[in-house]
Amino acid sequence: QVPEKRKSKVPWDRLIGVALLGALGSALIYYVFIQLDDEKKE
């Protein structure tokens, strides 16, 4: 008997969704940070 090919336990749509959510969250934080004045940035 030849073992069957293993299937991934993580669904690709969830993986892509989490990656997009992380990228959008990072972009939002960066945008807010850029809007701060120099004293608050420091």
PDB file of all heavy atoms in Angstrom:
ATOM      1  N   GLN A   1       0.842  -1.193   0.000  1.00  0.00           N
ATOM      2  CA  GLN A   1       0.000   0.000   0.000  1.00  0.00           C
ATOM      3  C   GLN A   1       0.878   1.245   0.000  1.00  0.00           C
ATOM      4  O   GLN A   1       1.841   1.337   0.757  1.00  0.00           O
ATOM      5  CB  GLN A   1      -0.923   0.008   1.214  1.00  0.00           C
ATOM      6  CG  GLN A   1      -1.933  -1.118   1.175  1.00  0.00           C
ATOM      7  CD  GLN A   1      -2.919  -1.018   2.309  1.00  0.00           C
ATOM      8  OE1 GLN A   1      -2.901  -0.069   3.072  1.00  0.00           O
ATOM      9  NE2 GLN A   1      -3.798  -1.991   2.414  1.00  0.00           N
ATOM     10  N   VAL A   2       0.525   2.180  -0.843  1.00  0.00           N
ATOM     11  CA  VAL A   2       1.239   3.448  -0.920  1.00  0.00           C
ATOM     12  C   VAL A   2       0.457   4.470  -0.104  1.00  0.00           C
ATOM     13  O   VAL A   2      -0.756   4.597  -0.277  1.00  0.00           O
ATOM     14  CB  VAL A   2       1.344   3.926  -2.389  1.00  0.00           C
ATOM     15  CG1 VAL A   2       2.052   5.251  -2.471  1.00  0.00           C
ATOM     16  CG2 VAL A   2       2.038   2.861  -3.222  1.00  0.00           C
ATOM     17  N   PRO A   3       1.127   5.178   0.826  1.00  0.00           N
ATOM     18  CA  PRO A   3       0.395   6.173   1.630  1.00  0.00           C
ATOM     19  C   PRO A   3      -0.170   7.291   0.751  1.00  0.00           C
ATOM     20  O   PRO A   3       0.440   7.690  -0.236  1.00  0.00           O
ATOM     21  CB  PRO A   3       1.443   6.712   2.605  1.00  0.00           C
ATOM     22  CG  PRO A   3       2.750   6.333   2.032  1.00  0.00           C
ATOM     23  CD  PRO A   3       2.534   5.149   1.144  1.00  0.00           C
ATOM     24  N   GLU A   4      -1.353   7.749   1.127  1.00  0.00           N
ATOM     25  CA  GLU A   4      -1.989   8.827   0.373  1.00  0.00           C
ATOM     26  C   GLU A   4      -1.267  10.143   0.633  1.00  0.00           C
ATOM     27  O   GLU A   4      -0.665  10.333   1.679  1.00  0.00           O
ATOM     28  CB  GLU A   4      -3.451   8.967   0.789  1.00  0.00           C
ATOM     29  CG  GLU A   4      -4.293   7.783   0.402  1.00  0.00           C
ATOM     30  CD  GLU A   4      -5.748   7.987   0.766  1.00  0.00           C
ATOM     31  OE1 GLU A   4      -6.186   9.156   0.852  1.00  0.00           O
ATOM     32  OE2 GLU A   4      -6.437   6.992   0.966  1.00  0.00           O
ATOM     33  N   LYS A   5      -1.364  11.023  -0.321  1.00  0.00           N
ATOM     34  CA  LYS A   5      -0.740  12.333  -0.177  1.00  0.00           C
ATOM     35  C   LYS A   5      -1.456  13.110   0.932  1.00  0.00           C
ATOM     36  O   LYS A   5      -2.677  13.161   0.971  1.00  0.00           O
ATOM     37  CB  LYS A   5      -0.845  13.094  -1.502  1.00  0.00           C
ATOM     38  CG  LYS A   5       0.002  14.303  -1.577  1.00  0.00           C
ATOM     39  CD  LYS A   5      -0.051  14.895  -2.973  1.00  0.00           C
ATOM     40  CE  LYS A   5       0.906  16.050  -3.087  1.00  0.00           C
ATOM     41  NZ  LYS A   5       0.863  16.627  -4.431  1.00  0.00           N
ATOM     42  N   ARG A   6      -0.677  13.709   1.835  1.00  0.00           N
ATOM     43  CA  ARG A   6      -1.273  14.447   2.947  1.00  0.00           C
ATOM     44  C   ARG A   6      -1.869  15.757   2.465  1.00  0.00           C
ATOM     45  O   ARG A   6      -1.291  16.437   1.632  1.00  0.00           O
ATOM     46  CB  ARG A   6      -0.225  14.760   4.005  1.00  0.00           C
ATOM     47  CG  ARG A   6       0.243  13.560   4.740  1.00  0.00           C
ATOM     48  CD  ARG A   6       1.180  13.972   5.830  1.00  0.00           C
ATOM     49  NE  ARG A   6       1.655  12.811   6.553  1.00  0.00           N
ATOM     50  CZ  ARG A   6       2.437  12.875   7.604  1.00  0.00           C
ATOM     51  NH1 ARG A   6       2.841  14.035   8.047  1.00  0.00           N
ATOM     52  NH2 ARG A   6       2.828  11.782   8.198  1.00  0.00           N
ATOM     53  N   LYS A   7      -2.999  16.076   3.027  1.00  0.00           N
ATOM     54  CA  LYS A   7      -3.641  17.344   2.714  1.00  0.00           C
ATOM     55  C   LYS A   7      -3.260  18.360   3.785  1.00  0.00           C
ATOM     56  O   LYS A   7      -3.044  18.008   4.935  1.00  0.00           O
ATOM     57  CB  LYS A   7      -5.161  17.190   2.661  1.00  0.00           C
ATOM     58  CG  LYS A   7      -5.627  16.343   1.509  1.00  0.00           C
ATOM     59  CD  LYS A   7      -7.132  16.320   1.446  1.00  0.00           C
ATOM     60  CE  LYS A   7      -7.588  15.488   0.263  1.00  0.00           C
ATOM     61  NZ  LYS A   7      -9.035  15.449   0.167  1.00  0.00           N
ATOM     62  N   SER A   8      -3.183  19.608   3.383  1.00  0.00           N
ATOM     63  CA  SER A   8      -2.848  20.672   4.320  1.00  0.00           C
ATOM     64  C   SER A   8      -3.979  20.840   5.330  1.00  0.00           C
ATOM     65  O   SER A   8      -5.155  20.793   4.972  1.00  0.00           O
ATOM     66  CB  SER A   8      -2.627  21.978   3.561  1.00  0.00           C
ATOM     67  OG  SER A   8      -2.410  23.028   4.454  1.00  0.00           O
ATOM     68  N   LYS A   9      -3.609  21.053   6.592  1.00  0.00           N
ATOM     69  CA  LYS A   9      -4.621  21.246   7.627  1.00  0.00           C
ATOM     70  C   LYS A   9      -5.108  22.684   7.685  1.00  0.00           C
ATOM     71  O   LYS A   9      -6.118  22.965   8.298  1.00  0.00           O
ATOM     72  CB  LYS A   9      -4.054  20.836   8.982  1.00  0.00           C
ATOM     73  CG  LYS A   9      -3.793  19.354   9.094  1.00  0.00           C
ATOM     74  CD  LYS A   9      -3.310  18.984  10.460  1.00  0.00           C
ATOM     75  CE  LYS A   9      -3.067  17.490  10.537  1.00  0.00           C
ATOM     76  NZ  LYS A   9      -2.624  17.078  11.863  1.00  0.00           N
ATOM     77  N   VAL A  10      -4.367  23.605   7.064  1.00  0.00           N
ATOM     78  CA  VAL A  10      -4.746  25.013   7.079  1.00  0.00           C
ATOM     79  C   VAL A  10      -5.394  25.359   5.742  1.00  0.00           C
ATOM     80  O   VAL A  10      -4.778  25.220   4.697  1.00  0.00           O
ATOM     81  CB  VAL A  10      -3.497  25.905   7.288  1.00  0.00           C
ATOM     82  CG1 VAL A  10      -3.879  27.368   7.254  1.00  0.00           C
ATOM     83  CG2 VAL A  10      -2.814  25.561   8.591  1.00  0.00           C
ATOM     84  N   PRO A  11      -6.637  25.827   5.765  1.00  0.00           N
ATOM     85  CA  PRO A  11      -7.281  26.210   4.501  1.00  0.00           C
ATOM     86  C   PRO A  11      -6.620  27.466   3.914  1.00  0.00           C
ATOM     87  O   PRO A  11      -6.277  28.395   4.632  1.00  0.00           O
ATOM     88  CB  PRO A  11      -8.726  26.507   4.898  1.00  0.00           C
ATOM     89  CG  PRO A  11      -8.839  26.277   6.356  1.00  0.00           C
ATOM     90  CD  PRO A  11      -7.509  25.935   6.902  1.00  0.00           C
ATOM     91  N   TRP A  12      -6.401  27.439   2.620  1.00  0.00           N
ATOM     92  CA  TRP A  12      -5.713  28.559   1.955  1.00  0.00           C
ATOM     93  C   TRP A  12      -6.484  29.863   2.079  1.00  0.00           C
ATOM     94  O   TRP A  12      -5.890  30.926   2.206  1.00  0.00           O
ATOM     95  CB  TRP A  12      -5.465  28.228   0.479  1.00  0.00           C
ATOM     96  CG  TRP A  12      -4.339  27.262   0.324  1.00  0.00           C
ATOM     97  CD1 TRP A  12      -4.433  25.921   0.068  1.00  0.00           C
ATOM     98  CD2 TRP A  12      -2.949  27.535   0.467  1.00  0.00           C
ATOM     99  NE1 TRP A  12      -3.192  25.349   0.032  1.00  0.00           N
ATOM    100  CE2 TRP A  12      -2.261  26.321   0.264  1.00  0.00           C
ATOM    101  CE3 TRP A  12      -2.215  28.680   0.730  1.00  0.00           C
ATOM    102  CZ2 TRP A  12      -0.874  26.228   0.322  1.00  0.00           C
ATOM    103  CZ3 TRP A  12      -0.832  28.582   0.781  1.00  0.00           C
ATOM    104  CH2 TRP A  12      -0.181  27.383   0.585  1.00  0.00           C
ATOM    105  N   ASP A  13      -7.811  29.820   2.019  1.00  0.00           N
ATOM    106  CA  ASP A  13      -8.577  31.060   2.102  1.00  0.00           C
ATOM    107  C   ASP A  13      -8.388  31.723   3.466  1.00  0.00           C
ATOM    108  O   ASP A  13      -8.282  32.942   3.567  1.00  0.00           O
ATOM    109  CB  ASP A  13     -10.052  30.827   1.799  1.00  0.00           C
ATOM    110  CG  ASP A  13     -10.695  29.768   2.699  1.00  0.00           C
ATOM    111  OD1 ASP A  13      -9.958  29.022   3.367  1.00  0.00           O
ATOM    112  OD2 ASP A  13     -11.933  29.699   2.719  1.00  0.00           O
ATOM    113  N   ARG A  14      -8.281  30.943   4.524  1.00  0.00           N
ATOM    114  CA  ARG A  14      -8.050  31.510   5.854  1.00  0.00           C
ATOM    115  C   ARG A  14      -6.641  32.097   5.936  1.00  0.00           C
ATOM    116  O   ARG A  14      -6.442  33.176   6.481  1.00  0.00           O
ATOM    117  CB  ARG A  14      -8.226  30.448   6.929  1.00  0.00           C
ATOM    118  CG  ARG A  14      -7.988  31.025   8.325  1.00  0.00           C
ATOM    119  CD  ARG A  14      -8.263  30.045   9.412  1.00  0.00           C
ATOM    120  NE  ARG A  14      -9.708  29.793   9.449  1.00  0.00           N
ATOM    121  CZ  ARG A  14     -10.288  28.913  10.228  1.00  0.00           C
ATOM    122  NH1 ARG A  14      -9.565  28.184  11.037  1.00  0.00           N
ATOM    123  NH2 ARG A  14     -11.584  28.753  10.215  1.00  0.00           N
ATOM    124  N   LEU A  15      -5.668  31.396   5.373  1.00  0.00           N
ATOM    125  CA  LEU A  15      -4.290  31.873   5.386  1.00  0.00           C
ATOM    126  C   LEU A  15      -4.163  33.199   4.641  1.00  0.00           C
ATOM    127  O   LEU A  15      -3.549  34.147   5.133  1.00  0.00           O
ATOM    128  CB  LEU A  15      -3.366  30.824   4.767  1.00  0.00           C
ATOM    129  CG  LEU A  15      -1.891  31.139   4.748  1.00  0.00           C
ATOM    130  CD1 LEU A  15      -1.348  31.164   6.173  1.00  0.00           C
ATOM    131  CD2 LEU A  15      -1.145  30.107   3.927  1.00  0.00           C
ATOM    132  N   ILE A  16      -4.776  33.289   3.481  1.00  0.00           N
ATOM    133  CA  ILE A  16      -4.731  34.523   2.697  1.00  0.00           C
ATOM    134  C   ILE A  16      -5.494  35.629   3.416  1.00  0.00           C
ATOM    135  O   ILE A  16      -5.060  36.784   3.440  1.00  0.00           O
ATOM    136  CB  ILE A  16      -5.285  34.281   1.273  1.00  0.00           C
ATOM    137  CG1 ILE A  16      -4.316  33.370   0.514  1.00  0.00           C
ATOM    138  CG2 ILE A  16      -5.497  35.590   0.535  1.00  0.00           C
ATOM    139  CD1 ILE A  16      -4.820  32.888  -0.817  1.00  0.00           C
ATOM    140  N   GLY A  17      -6.619  35.306   4.035  1.00  0.00           N
ATOM    141  CA  GLY A  17      -7.397  36.294   4.775  1.00  0.00           C
ATOM    142  C   GLY A  17      -6.620  36.879   5.942  1.00  0.00           C
ATOM    143  O   GLY A  17      -6.612  38.094   6.162  1.00  0.00           O
ATOM    144  N   VAL A  18      -5.927  36.033   6.688  1.00  0.00           N
ATOM    145  CA  VAL A  18      -5.130  36.514   7.823  1.00  0.00           C
ATOM    146  C   VAL A  18      -3.971  37.379   7.331  1.00  0.00           C
ATOM    147  O   VAL A  18      -3.661  38.414   7.918  1.00  0.00           O
ATOM    148  CB  VAL A  18      -4.627  35.325   8.676  1.00  0.00           C
ATOM    149  CG1 VAL A  18      -3.596  35.758   9.691  1.00  0.00           C
ATOM    150  CG2 VAL A  18      -5.795  34.646   9.365  1.00  0.00           C
ATOM    151  N   ALA A  19      -3.343  36.973   6.234  1.00  0.00           N
ATOM    152  CA  ALA A  19      -2.236  37.761   5.681  1.00  0.00           C
ATOM    153  C   ALA A  19      -2.724  39.139   5.216  1.00  0.00           C
ATOM    154  O   ALA A  19      -2.064  40.156   5.467  1.00  0.00           O
ATOM    155  CB  ALA A  19      -1.594  37.008   4.520  1.00  0.00           C
ATOM    156  N   LEU A  20      -3.879  39.181   4.553  1.00  0.00           N
ATOM    157  CA  LEU A  20      -4.421  40.463   4.103  1.00  0.00           C
ATOM    158  C   LEU A  20      -4.815  41.342   5.281  1.00  0.00           C
ATOM    159  O   LEU A  20      -4.582  42.556   5.271  1.00  0.00           O
ATOM    160  CB  LEU A  20      -5.626  40.245   3.187  1.00  0.00           C
ATOM    161  CG  LEU A  20      -5.307  39.748   1.788  1.00  0.00           C
ATOM    162  CD1 LEU A  20      -6.600  39.436   1.035  1.00  0.00           C
ATOM    163  CD2 LEU A  20      -4.487  40.764   1.022  1.00  0.00           C
ATOM    164  N   LEU A  21      -5.406  40.742   6.291  1.00  0.00           N
ATOM    165  CA  LEU A  21      -5.780  41.486   7.481  1.00  0.00           C
ATOM    166  C   LEU A  21      -4.548  42.081   8.160  1.00  0.00           C
ATOM    167  O   LEU A  21      -4.556  43.244   8.569  1.00  0.00           O
ATOM    168  CB  LEU A  21      -6.542  40.578   8.446  1.00  0.00           C
ATOM    169  CG  LEU A  21      -7.131  41.240   9.681  1.00  0.00           C
ATOM    170  CD1 LEU A  21      -8.172  42.279   9.287  1.00  0.00           C
ATOM    171  CD2 LEU A  21      -7.750  40.192  10.575  1.00  0.00           C
ATOM    172  N   GLY A  22      -3.491  41.313   8.267  1.00  0.00           N
ATOM    173  CA  GLY A  22      -2.245  41.811   8.848  1.00  0.00           C
ATOM    174  C   GLY A  22      -1.641  42.934   8.033  1.00  0.00           C
ATOM    175  O   GLY A  22      -1.159  43.934   8.577  1.00  0.00           O
ATOM    176  N   ALA A  23      -1.667  42.804   6.706  1.00  0.00           N
ATOM    177  CA  ALA A  23      -1.111  43.841   5.836  1.00  0.00           C
ATOM    178  C   ALA A  23      -1.926  45.132   5.938  1.00  0.00           C
ATOM    179  O   ALA A  23      -1.361  46.232   6.020  1.00  0.00           O
ATOM    180  CB  ALA A  23      -1.074  43.352   4.391  1.00  0.00           C
ATOM    181  N   LEU A  24      -3.237  45.019   5.949  1.00  0.00           N
ATOM    182  CA  LEU A  24      -4.084  46.204   6.057  1.00  0.00           C
ATOM    183  C   LEU A  24      -3.936  46.872   7.420  1.00  0.00           C
ATOM    184  O   LEU A  24      -3.892  48.103   7.517  1.00  0.00           O
ATOM    185  CB  LEU A  24      -5.544  45.841   5.806  1.00  0.00           C
ATOM    186  CG  LEU A  24      -5.896  45.482   4.366  1.00  0.00           C
ATOM    187  CD1 LEU A  24      -7.331  44.980   4.274  1.00  0.00           C
ATOM    188  CD2 LEU A  24      -5.678  46.655   3.440  1.00  0.00           C
ATOM    189  N   GLY A  25      -3.846  46.068   8.471  1.00  0.00           N
ATOM    190  CA  GLY A  25      -3.640  46.617   9.809  1.00  0.00           C
ATOM    191  C   GLY A  25      -2.312  47.354   9.919  1.00  0.00           C
ATOM    192  O   GLY A  25      -2.234  48.440  10.496  1.00  0.00           O
ATOM    193  N   SER A  26      -1.270  46.777   9.346  1.00  0.00           N
ATOM    194  CA  SER A  26       0.042  47.429   9.363  1.00  0.00           C
ATOM    195  C   SER A  26       0.019  48.736   8.577  1.00  0.00           C
ATOM    196  O   SER A  26       0.609  49.734   9.004  1.00  0.00           O
ATOM    197  CB  SER A  26       1.099  46.500   8.773  1.00  0.00           C
ATOM    198  OG  SER A  26       1.223  45.349   9.559  1.00  0.00           O
ATOM    199  N   ALA A  27      -0.642  48.737   7.427  1.00  0.00           N
ATOM    200  CA  ALA A  27      -0.736  49.954   6.624  1.00  0.00           C
ATOM    201  C   ALA A  27      -1.507  51.044   7.374  1.00  0.00           C
ATOM    202  O   ALA A  27      -1.122  52.222   7.335  1.00  0.00           O
ATOM    203  CB  ALA A  27      -1.412  49.654   5.288  1.00  0.00           C
ATOM    204  N   LEU A  28      -2.560  50.681   8.073  1.00  0.00           N
ATOM    205  CA  LEU A  28      -3.339  51.644   8.849  1.00  0.00           C
ATOM    206  C   LEU A  28      -2.503  52.232   9.984  1.00  0.00           C
ATOM    207  O   LEU A  28      -2.498  53.453  10.195  1.00  0.00           O
ATOM    208  CB  LEU A  28      -4.598  50.977   9.410  1.00  0.00           C
ATOM    209  CG  LEU A  28      -5.479  51.861  10.297  1.00  0.00           C
ATOM    210  CD1 LEU A  28      -6.070  53.005   9.475  1.00  0.00           C
ATOM    211  CD2 LEU A  28      -6.570  51.041  10.930  1.00  0.00           C
ATOM    212  N   ILE A  29      -1.791  51.380  10.699  1.00  0.00           N
ATOM    213  CA  ILE A  29      -0.937  51.868  11.791  1.00  0.00           C
ATOM    214  C   ILE A  29       0.145  52.795  11.253  1.00  0.00           C
ATOM    215  O   ILE A  29       0.442  53.844  11.840  1.00  0.00           O
ATOM    216  CB  ILE A  29      -0.333  50.685  12.567  1.00  0.00           C
ATOM    217  CG1 ILE A  29      -1.438  49.977  13.343  1.00  0.00           C
ATOM    218  CG2 ILE A  29       0.769  51.133  13.504  1.00  0.00           C
ATOM    219  CD1 ILE A  29      -1.020  48.667  13.956  1.00  0.00           C
ATOM    220  N   TYR A  30       0.745  52.439  10.123  1.00  0.00           N
ATOM    221  CA  TYR A  30       1.771  53.286   9.511  1.00  0.00           C
ATOM    222  C   TYR A  30       1.192  54.645   9.124  1.00  0.00           C
ATOM    223  O   TYR A  30       1.797  55.687   9.363  1.00  0.00           O
ATOM    224  CB  TYR A  30       2.367  52.583   8.290  1.00  0.00           C
ATOM    225  CG  TYR A  30       3.390  53.416   7.564  1.00  0.00           C
ATOM    226  CD1 TYR A  30       4.659  53.581   8.094  1.00  0.00           C
ATOM    227  CD2 TYR A  30       3.079  54.040   6.359  1.00  0.00           C
ATOM    228  CE1 TYR A  30       5.606  54.357   7.438  1.00  0.00           C
ATOM    229  CE2 TYR A  30       4.019  54.811   5.698  1.00  0.00           C
ATOM    230  CZ  TYR A  30       5.278  54.963   6.239  1.00  0.00           C
ATOM    231  OH  TYR A  30       6.197  55.731   5.590  1.00  0.00           O
ATOM    232  N   TYR A  31      -0.004  54.636   8.531  1.00  0.00           N
ATOM    233  CA  TYR A  31      -0.642  55.882   8.117  1.00  0.00           C
ATOM    234  C   TYR A  31      -0.908  56.780   9.326  1.00  0.00           C
ATOM    235  O   TYR A  31      -0.646  57.976   9.293  1.00  0.00           O
ATOM    236  CB  TYR A  31      -1.950  55.587   7.376  1.00  0.00           C
ATOM    237  CG  TYR A  31      -2.710  56.827   7.002  1.00  0.00           C
ATOM    238  CD1 TYR A  31      -2.300  57.618   5.946  1.00  0.00           C
ATOM    239  CD2 TYR A  31      -3.847  57.216   7.718  1.00  0.00           C
ATOM    240  CE1 TYR A  31      -2.990  58.776   5.599  1.00  0.00           C
ATOM    241  CE2 TYR A  31      -4.538  58.359   7.387  1.00  0.00           C
ATOM    242  CZ  TYR A  31      -4.110  59.138   6.328  1.00  0.00           C
ATOM    243  OH  TYR A  31      -4.787  60.273   6.005  1.00  0.00           O
ATOM    244  N   VAL A  32      -1.417  56.203  10.404  1.00  0.00           N
ATOM    245  CA  VAL A  32      -1.701  56.985  11.616  1.00  0.00           C
ATOM    246  C   VAL A  32      -0.399  57.524  12.202  1.00  0.00           C
ATOM    247  O   VAL A  32      -0.329  58.682  12.621  1.00  0.00           O
ATOM    248  CB  VAL A  32      -2.469  56.128  12.651  1.00  0.00           C
ATOM    249  CG1 VAL A  32      -2.551  56.824  13.991  1.00  0.00           C
ATOM    250  CG2 VAL A  32      -3.869  55.810  12.130  1.00  0.00           C
ATOM    251  N   PHE A  33       0.650  56.709  12.216  1.00  0.00           N
ATOM    252  CA  PHE A  33       1.936  57.133  12.760  1.00  0.00           C
ATOM    253  C   PHE A  33       2.513  58.307  11.968  1.00  0.00           C
ATOM    254  O   PHE A  33       3.046  59.253  12.546  1.00  0.00           O
ATOM    255  CB  PHE A  33       2.919  55.960  12.765  1.00  0.00           C
ATOM    256  CG  PHE A  33       4.260  56.295  13.330  1.00  0.00           C
ATOM    257  CD1 PHE A  33       4.430  56.437  14.695  1.00  0.00           C
ATOM    258  CD2 PHE A  33       5.356  56.484  12.505  1.00  0.00           C
ATOM    259  CE1 PHE A  33       5.665  56.746  15.234  1.00  0.00           C
ATOM    260  CE2 PHE A  33       6.596  56.792  13.025  1.00  0.00           C
ATOM    261  CZ  PHE A  33       6.751  56.927  14.393  1.00  0.00           C
ATOM    262  N   ILE A  34       2.386  58.266  10.658  1.00  0.00           N
ATOM    263  CA  ILE A  34       2.914  59.336   9.808  1.00  0.00           C
ATOM    264  C   ILE A  34       2.184  60.653  10.073  1.00  0.00           C
ATOM    265  O   ILE A  34       2.769  61.735   9.956  1.00  0.00           O
ATOM    266  CB  ILE A  34       2.790  58.941   8.311  1.00  0.00           C
ATOM    267  CG1 ILE A  34       3.702  57.764   8.011  1.00  0.00           C
ATOM    268  CG2 ILE A  34       3.117  60.089   7.386  1.00  0.00           C
ATOM    269  CD1 ILE A  34       5.163  58.030   8.269  1.00  0.00           C
ATOM    270  N   GLN A  35       0.921  60.601  10.476  1.00  0.00           N
ATOM    271  CA  GLN A  35       0.138  61.806  10.710  1.00  0.00           C
ATOM    272  C   GLN A  35       0.496  62.505  12.026  1.00  0.00           C
ATOM    273  O   GLN A  35       0.133  63.668  12.224  1.00  0.00           O
ATOM    274  CB  GLN A  35      -1.365  61.475  10.709  1.00  0.00           C
ATOM    275  CG  GLN A  35      -1.873  60.849   9.429  1.00  0.00           C
ATOM    276  CD  GLN A  35      -1.626  61.713   8.219  1.00  0.00           C
ATOM    277  OE1 GLN A  35      -1.831  62.910   8.263  1.00  0.00           O
ATOM    278  NE2 GLN A  35      -1.172  61.100   7.138  1.00  0.00           N
ATOM    279  N   LEU A  36       1.211  61.810  12.921  1.00  0.00           N
ATOM    280  CA  LEU A  36       1.561  62.408  14.208  1.00  0.00           C
ATOM    281  C   LEU A  36       2.624  63.487  14.038  1.00  0.00           C
ATOM    282  O   LEU A  36       3.423  63.441  13.111  1.00  0.00           O
ATOM    283  CB  LEU A  36       2.088  61.330  15.161  1.00  0.00           C
ATOM    284  CG  LEU A  36       1.129  60.210  15.533  1.00  0.00           C
ATOM    285  CD1 LEU A  36       1.865  59.180  16.375  1.00  0.00           C
ATOM    286  CD2 LEU A  36      -0.076  60.744  16.273  1.00  0.00           C
ATOM    287  N   ASP A  37       2.632  64.435  14.999  1.00  0.00           N
ATOM    288  CA  ASP A  37       3.702  65.430  14.972  1.00  0.00           C
ATOM    289  C   ASP A  37       4.982  64.802  15.538  1.00  0.00           C
ATOM    290  O   ASP A  37       4.969  63.717  16.103  1.00  0.00           O
ATOM    291  CB  ASP A  37       3.304  66.700  15.733  1.00  0.00           C
ATOM    292  CG  ASP A  37       2.982  66.459  17.190  1.00  0.00           C
ATOM    293  OD1 ASP A  37       3.033  65.298  17.618  1.00  0.00           O
ATOM    294  OD2 ASP A  37       2.683  67.434  17.899  1.00  0.00           O
ATOM    295  N   ASP A  38       6.103  65.491  15.379  1.00  0.00           N
ATOM    296  CA  ASP A  38       7.405  64.927  15.735  1.00  0.00           C
ATOM    297  C   ASP A  38       7.521  64.548  17.206  1.00  0.00           C
ATOM    298  O   ASP A  38       8.115  63.520  17.547  1.00  0.00           O
ATOM    299  CB  ASP A  38       8.527  65.908  15.358  1.00  0.00           C
ATOM    300  CG  ASP A  38       8.680  66.046  13.852  1.00  0.00           C
ATOM    301  OD1 ASP A  38       8.265  65.112  13.133  1.00  0.00           O
ATOM    302  OD2 ASP A  38       9.223  67.078  13.411  1.00  0.00           O
ATOM    303  N   GLU A  39       6.943  65.355  18.093  1.00  0.00           N
ATOM    304  CA  GLU A  39       7.042  65.071  19.519  1.00  0.00           C
ATOM    305  C   GLU A  39       6.305  63.775  19.874  1.00  0.00           C
ATOM    306  O   GLU A  39       6.811  62.934  20.621  1.00  0.00           O
ATOM    307  CB  GLU A  39       6.460  66.242  20.316  1.00  0.00           C
ATOM    308  CG  GLU A  39       6.605  66.100  21.819  1.00  0.00           C
ATOM    309  CD  GLU A  39       6.024  67.295  22.557  1.00  0.00           C
ATOM    310  OE1 GLU A  39       6.246  68.442  22.122  1.00  0.00           O
ATOM    311  OE2 GLU A  39       5.344  67.046  23.569  1.00  0.00           O
ATOM    312  N   LYS A  40       5.103  63.610  19.317  1.00  0.00           N
ATOM    313  CA  LYS A  40       4.328  62.396  19.597  1.00  0.00           C
ATOM    314  C   LYS A  40       4.978  61.166  18.957  1.00  0.00           C
ATOM    315  O   LYS A  40       4.939  60.074  19.527  1.00  0.00           O
ATOM    316  CB  LYS A  40       2.893  62.559  19.118  1.00  0.00           C
ATOM    317  CG  LYS A  40       2.084  63.481  20.008  1.00  0.00           C
ATOM    318  CD  LYS A  40       0.632  63.474  19.636  1.00  0.00           C
ATOM    319  CE  LYS A  40      -0.127  64.403  20.569  1.00  0.00           C
ATOM    320  NZ  LYS A  40      -1.560  64.404  20.301  1.00  0.00           N
ATOM    321  N   LYS A  41       5.579  61.341  17.764  1.00  0.00           N
ATOM    322  CA  LYS A  41       6.280  60.230  17.126  1.00  0.00           C
ATOM    323  C   LYS A  41       7.402  59.730  18.028  1.00  0.00           C
ATOM    324  O   LYS A  41       7.596  58.526  18.188  1.00  0.00           O
ATOM    325  CB  LYS A  41       6.879  60.653  15.786  1.00  0.00           C
ATOM    326  CG  LYS A  41       5.920  60.685  14.645  1.00  0.00           C
ATOM    327  CD  LYS A  41       6.666  61.028  13.369  1.00  0.00           C
ATOM    328  CE  LYS A  41       5.721  61.262  12.227  1.00  0.00           C
ATOM    329  NZ  LYS A  41       6.426  61.623  10.998  1.00  0.00           N
ATOM    330  N   GLU A  42       8.140  60.657  18.600  1.00  0.00           N
ATOM    331  CA  GLU A  42       9.255  60.285  19.475  1.00  0.00           C
ATOM    332  C   GLU A  42       8.753  59.535  20.711  1.00  0.00           C
ATOM    333  O   GLU A  42       9.351  58.543  21.122  1.00  0.00           O
ATOM    334  CB  GLU A  42      10.036  61.533  19.883  1.00  0.00           C
ATOM    335  CG  GLU A  42      11.402  61.245  20.436  1.00  0.00           C
ATOM    336  CD  GLU A  42      12.309  60.530  19.441  1.00  0.00           C
ATOM    337  OE1 GLU A  42      12.274  60.845  18.238  1.00  0.00           O
ATOM    338  OE2 GLU A  42      13.046  59.633  19.886  1.00  0.00           O
TER     339      GLU A  42
END
